[in-house]
Amino acid sequence: MKINNGGENLLMEEISADKIASDLYQQGVLNFERGDYQKAITLLERARALAILETSLGGEILIWLANAYDANGRTDDAIVLCRSLKNHPVGDVRKSAKYILGILTAPPLSKLEGVVSEVPILESPDTYQSKPIAKSTGQTNQKPFREVSLEKPNTESKNNFLWFAIAVTLLVLALWASKSG
């Protein structure tokens, strides 16, 4: 009985290529997460060449490649790649591609005049000076917000109402305790 070594070699080559593709994919994702998008693209494109694209791994490689394209300014390439994944055999890959495609093709949001606020950079809390932004209507003496003093509040004043409320509360509690006891 003879064993067909050609079939075994082919299977070993597929396993080896799949393992290399998986390793390249993982390295590509790491580079993407570090912000090195060009290196991520290079690694993911090499992984794509070795992987069986109709598998879950192949689909994930293509999804990350689309993300890397977009992050590197190649949004059109990312859109084309996501559109090609609409009929991928793995449902999660189709779902991810559809989600990414929705983000990439969404209309840009416009900045509304007067809605965007600038946040000042504080060197220290003691150096901040409140500077209200004047409205474009020509009224520069009107402040858009109420200034609040940051000084310690006066706790020396005698507030008789507070003591009266405490006394009434204690009296009500004492009456309630005597009736229930």
Protein backbone atom coordinates (compact mmCIF):
# COMPACT_ATOMS: atom_id res chain seq x y z
CA MET A 1 0.00 0.00 0.00
CA LYS A 2 1.45 3.33 -1.10
CA ILE A 3 0.76 6.69 0.55
CA ASN A 4 0.34 9.66 -1.74
CA ASN A 5 3.03 12.02 -0.50
CA GLY A 6 1.97 14.71 -2.94
CA GLY A 7 -1.37 15.17 -1.12
CA GLU A 8 0.31 15.28 2.26
CA ASN A 9 2.82 17.86 1.06
CA LEU A 10 0.02 20.02 -0.31
CA LEU A 11 -1.82 19.80 3.03
CA MET A 12 1.37 20.70 4.92
CA GLU A 13 1.91 23.71 2.63
CA GLU A 14 -1.66 24.91 3.28
CA ILE A 15 -1.19 24.56 7.05
CA SER A 16 2.17 26.30 6.88
CA ALA A 17 0.81 29.15 4.73
CA ASP A 18 -2.18 29.52 7.06
CA LYS A 19 0.14 29.68 10.10
CA ILE A 20 2.34 32.30 8.43
CA ALA A 21 -0.75 34.30 7.41
CA SER A 22 -2.01 34.16 11.00
CA ASP A 23 1.33 35.38 12.33
CA LEU A 24 1.48 38.21 9.77
CA TYR A 25 -2.12 39.13 10.65
CA GLN A 26 -1.28 39.37 14.37
CA GLN A 27 1.80 41.48 13.65
CA GLY A 28 -0.27 43.71 11.37
CA VAL A 29 -2.90 44.26 14.07
CA LEU A 30 -0.17 45.11 16.61
CA ASN A 31 1.35 47.66 14.24
CA PHE A 32 -2.09 49.12 13.55
CA GLU A 33 -2.74 49.52 17.28
CA ARG A 34 0.67 51.22 17.69
CA GLY A 35 -0.23 53.69 14.94
CA ASP A 36 2.24 52.37 12.33
CA TYR A 37 -0.40 52.07 9.61
CA GLN A 38 1.96 51.70 6.65
CA LYS A 39 3.73 48.72 8.26
CA ALA A 40 0.33 47.26 9.21
CA ILE A 41 -0.75 47.52 5.55
CA THR A 42 2.41 45.79 4.37
CA LEU A 43 1.98 42.91 6.84
CA LEU A 44 -1.75 42.53 6.24
CA GLU A 45 -1.30 42.53 2.44
CA ARG A 46 1.29 39.75 2.80
CA ALA A 47 -1.13 37.85 5.06
CA ARG A 48 -3.90 38.31 2.47
CA ALA A 49 -1.67 36.75 -0.21
CA LEU A 50 -1.15 33.63 1.93
CA ALA A 51 -4.55 33.18 3.58
CA ILE A 52 -7.66 31.46 2.29
CA LEU A 53 -9.85 34.57 2.07
CA GLU A 54 -13.18 32.73 2.40
CA THR A 55 -12.35 31.71 5.99
CA SER A 56 -12.84 33.64 9.19
CA LEU A 57 -9.10 34.43 9.34
CA GLY A 58 -9.12 35.63 5.73
CA GLY A 59 -12.09 37.87 6.41
CA GLU A 60 -10.52 39.33 9.56
CA ILE A 61 -7.34 40.07 7.62
CA LEU A 62 -9.39 41.99 5.04
CA ILE A 63 -11.35 43.91 7.70
CA TRP A 64 -8.16 45.04 9.44
CA LEU A 65 -6.62 45.87 6.07
CA ALA A 66 -9.61 48.12 5.29
CA ASN A 67 -9.16 49.85 8.66
CA ALA A 68 -5.45 50.32 8.00
CA TYR A 69 -6.15 51.74 4.53
CA ASP A 70 -8.54 54.28 6.03
CA ALA A 71 -6.18 55.20 8.86
CA ASN A 72 -3.41 55.75 6.31
CA GLY A 73 -5.57 58.09 4.23
CA ARG A 74 -6.55 55.53 1.59
CA THR A 75 -10.27 55.71 2.33
CA ASP A 76 -11.29 54.91 -1.26
CA ASP A 77 -9.32 51.63 -1.10
CA ALA A 78 -10.97 50.83 2.24
CA ILE A 79 -14.44 51.43 0.75
CA VAL A 80 -13.72 49.20 -2.26
CA LEU A 81 -12.44 46.44 0.03
CA CYS A 82 -15.47 46.66 2.35
CA ARG A 83 -17.85 46.53 -0.62
CA SER A 84 -16.10 43.38 -1.84
CA LEU A 85 -16.85 41.74 1.52
CA LYS A 86 -20.64 42.10 1.20
CA ASN A 87 -20.88 38.47 0.02
CA HIS A 88 -18.21 36.95 2.28
CA PRO A 89 -19.19 33.47 3.53
CA VAL A 90 -18.60 34.38 7.22
CA GLY A 91 -21.49 36.39 8.71
CA ASP A 92 -19.37 38.33 11.23
CA VAL A 93 -17.09 39.51 8.43
CA ARG A 94 -20.08 40.69 6.36
CA LYS A 95 -21.49 42.48 9.42
CA SER A 96 -18.17 44.21 10.22
CA ALA A 97 -17.67 45.24 6.59
CA LYS A 98 -21.18 46.72 6.46
CA TYR A 99 -20.58 48.65 9.69
CA ILE A 100 -17.22 50.04 8.53
CA LEU A 101 -18.68 50.89 5.12
CA GLY A 102 -21.45 52.86 6.83
CA ILE A 103 -18.88 54.90 8.73
CA LEU A 104 -16.63 55.47 5.73
CA THR A 105 -19.45 56.57 3.43
CA ALA A 106 -21.36 58.69 5.94
CA PRO A 107 -21.74 62.37 5.03
CA PRO A 108 -19.33 64.63 6.90
CA LEU A 109 -20.74 66.59 9.81
CA SER A 110 -20.54 70.35 9.54
CA LYS A 111 -19.48 72.57 12.41
CA LEU A 112 -22.36 74.76 13.48
CA GLU A 113 -21.54 78.41 14.02
CA GLY A 114 -21.62 79.33 17.71
CA VAL A 115 -22.01 75.74 18.93
CA VAL A 116 -18.36 74.76 19.08
CA SER A 117 -16.60 75.87 22.25
CA GLU A 118 -12.90 76.28 22.73
CA VAL A 119 -11.48 74.94 25.96
CA PRO A 120 -8.57 76.99 27.32
CA ILE A 121 -5.32 75.26 28.17
CA LEU A 122 -4.65 75.90 31.84
CA GLU A 123 -1.08 76.22 32.99
CA SER A 124 -2.27 76.32 36.58
CA PRO A 125 -5.66 76.95 38.19
CA ASP A 126 -4.40 80.23 39.69
CA THR A 127 -3.55 81.80 36.31
CA TYR A 128 -6.92 81.27 34.60
CA GLN A 129 -8.77 84.45 33.72
CA SER A 130 -12.35 84.24 32.52
CA LYS A 131 -12.66 85.73 29.02
CA PRO A 132 -16.17 85.46 27.60
CA ILE A 133 -16.36 85.26 23.81
CA ALA A 134 -18.25 88.15 22.27
CA LYS A 135 -21.17 87.20 20.03
CA SER A 136 -20.93 88.21 16.39
CA THR A 137 -24.08 90.38 16.72
CA GLY A 138 -21.98 93.32 17.84
CA GLN A 139 -22.84 93.17 21.55
CA THR A 140 -19.46 92.86 23.23
CA ASN A 141 -20.41 94.03 26.73
CA GLN A 142 -22.83 91.16 27.39
CA LYS A 143 -21.33 88.04 28.99
CA PRO A 144 -22.57 84.62 27.79
CA PHE A 145 -22.37 83.16 31.29
CA ARG A 146 -22.64 84.19 34.91
CA GLU A 147 -19.34 84.60 36.74
CA VAL A 148 -19.20 82.88 40.11
CA SER A 149 -16.79 83.91 42.82
CA LEU A 150 -14.31 81.19 43.68
CA GLU A 151 -13.65 82.56 47.17
CA LYS A 152 -14.52 80.56 50.28
CA PRO A 153 -18.16 81.16 51.24
CA ASN A 154 -18.97 83.12 54.41
CA THR A 155 -19.81 80.61 57.15
CA GLU A 156 -19.77 83.13 60.01
CA SER A 157 -23.28 84.47 59.44
CA LYS A 158 -25.96 83.44 61.91
CA ASN A 159 -28.73 81.56 60.19
CA ASN A 160 -31.57 81.27 62.69
CA PHE A 161 -33.77 79.38 60.24
CA LEU A 162 -31.32 76.47 60.22
CA TRP A 163 -31.45 76.17 64.02
CA PHE A 164 -35.24 76.47 64.00
CA ALA A 165 -35.52 73.64 61.41
CA ILE A 166 -33.23 71.40 63.48
CA ALA A 167 -35.27 72.10 66.65
CA VAL A 168 -38.58 71.34 64.93
CA THR A 169 -37.16 68.10 63.47
CA LEU A 170 -35.91 66.98 66.91
CA LEU A 171 -39.26 67.83 68.48
CA VAL A 172 -41.17 65.82 65.86
CA LEU A 173 -38.82 62.86 66.34
CA ALA A 174 -39.24 63.03 70.12
CA LEU A 175 -43.05 63.07 69.83
CA TRP A 176 -42.98 60.17 67.38
CA ALA A 177 -40.66 58.14 69.63
CA SER A 178 -42.89 58.72 72.70
CA LYS A 179 -46.03 57.57 70.86
CA SER A 180 -44.48 54.46 69.38
CA GLY A 181 -42.70 53.43 72.60
